[in-house]
Every structure is written in structure tokens, then in C-alpha cells.
Amino acid sequence: FTFSMTGVTSSQAYSFTLVLANDATAGRTITWPASVKWPNATVPTRTTTASKTDVYTFFTYDGGTTWWGNLSLYNFS
């Protein structure tokens, strides 16, 4: 999957939570936009196990030029 974050107003702050629930097919991957910055400059490894869920949180303070991402909850069933 490839995600994009659009529809925000410049110079405004926004946040959202993304719940990614895997279906019965294991091994799905994600491509994040280059505008997403992660802790320690390392994209977290998502759960690729079938029927598992990860929860991400994102925020921007500059209208979407930079998004700060975090894997909040990992590997839930």
C-alpha cells in the first residue's frame, strides 16, 4: 500500500490516528510518503502477520510539509 497525506491547510496543525488491520493474507507492506519523519529516522517495522493490527499516530505543525509519525500500538489481534 502507498499512503499520501493531503487536504490540510498551510500553517495549520493537524493530527490523526491510522489503524491498519491485516486481512487473512500475511506479508503486506506499506510505502510512506517522504514527508513522514520517524523517531531516530527509522521507519518502524509493521506487523505483517495475518489478522493482526497496528496503530499509528501522525501530526503536522506546518500544514503537512512534515508529518511526525509514531507506531503507537503493535501486533494486536
Protein backbone atom coordinates (compact mmCIF):
# COMPACT_ATOMS: atom_id res chain seq x y z
CA PHE A 1 0.00 0.00 0.00
CA THR A 2 1.10 3.56 -0.63
CA PHE A 3 -0.23 6.38 1.54
CA SER A 4 -0.44 10.11 0.95
CA MET A 5 -1.45 12.81 3.39
CA THR A 6 -3.35 15.62 1.67
CA GLY A 7 -6.10 18.14 2.29
CA VAL A 8 -4.54 20.17 5.09
CA THR A 9 -4.20 23.96 5.21
CA SER A 10 -0.73 25.53 5.24
CA SER A 11 0.50 26.92 8.56
CA GLN A 12 -2.01 24.80 10.49
CA ALA A 13 -1.50 21.89 12.90
CA TYR A 14 -3.29 18.58 12.35
CA SER A 15 -3.14 15.06 13.75
CA PHE A 16 -4.76 11.73 13.03
CA THR A 17 -4.67 8.09 14.08
CA LEU A 18 -4.34 5.31 11.50
CA VAL A 19 -5.45 1.77 12.38
CA LEU A 20 -4.01 -0.83 9.99
CA ALA A 21 -5.74 -4.17 10.35
CA ASN A 22 -4.33 -7.02 8.27
CA ASP A 23 -6.68 -9.35 6.49
CA ALA A 24 -6.05 -13.10 6.20
CA THR A 25 -3.12 -12.55 3.81
CA ALA A 26 0.23 -12.13 5.55
CA GLY A 27 3.16 -10.06 4.30
CA ARG A 28 1.57 -6.82 3.12
CA THR A 29 3.89 -3.81 3.02
CA ILE A 30 3.50 -0.02 3.21
CA THR A 31 5.19 2.81 1.39
CA TRP A 32 5.10 6.01 3.44
CA PRO A 33 5.42 9.49 1.93
CA ALA A 34 8.85 11.12 2.16
CA SER A 35 7.25 13.87 4.26
CA VAL A 36 6.84 11.45 7.20
CA LYS A 37 9.61 11.63 9.79
CA TRP A 38 10.05 8.77 12.29
CA PRO A 39 11.80 8.53 15.68
CA ASN A 40 15.55 8.02 15.24
CA ALA A 41 15.00 8.46 11.47
CA THR A 42 13.93 4.79 11.32
CA VAL A 43 10.68 3.63 9.75
CA PRO A 44 9.11 1.15 12.19
CA THR A 45 8.59 -2.42 11.09
CA ARG A 46 4.89 -3.09 10.82
CA THR A 47 3.21 -6.33 11.76
CA THR A 48 2.81 -8.44 8.63
CA THR A 49 1.13 -11.39 10.36
CA ALA A 50 -2.36 -12.20 9.09
CA SER A 51 -5.25 -10.87 11.22
CA LYS A 52 -3.04 -8.57 13.34
CA THR A 53 -3.41 -4.81 13.82
CA ASP A 54 -1.02 -1.86 14.27
CA VAL A 55 -1.98 1.69 15.30
CA TYR A 56 -0.03 4.73 14.11
CA THR A 57 -0.33 8.37 15.11
CA PHE A 58 0.72 11.34 12.97
CA PHE A 59 0.86 15.09 13.44
CA THR A 60 2.00 18.11 11.47
CA TYR A 61 2.57 21.65 12.68
CA ASP A 62 3.34 23.11 9.25
CA GLY A 63 0.29 22.25 7.17
CA GLY A 64 1.55 18.88 6.01
CA THR A 65 5.04 19.78 4.79
CA THR A 66 6.40 17.47 7.50
CA TRP A 67 4.47 14.73 9.28
CA TRP A 68 5.81 13.24 12.51
CA GLY A 69 4.85 9.56 12.72
CA ASN A 70 4.87 7.03 15.51
CA LEU A 71 3.92 3.37 15.76
CA SER A 72 1.75 3.65 18.88
CA LEU A 73 0.43 0.10 19.29
CA TYR A 74 1.92 -3.00 17.68
CA ASN A 75 0.78 -6.54 16.88
CA PHE A 76 -2.73 -6.60 18.34
CA SER A 77 -5.19 -9.34 17.49
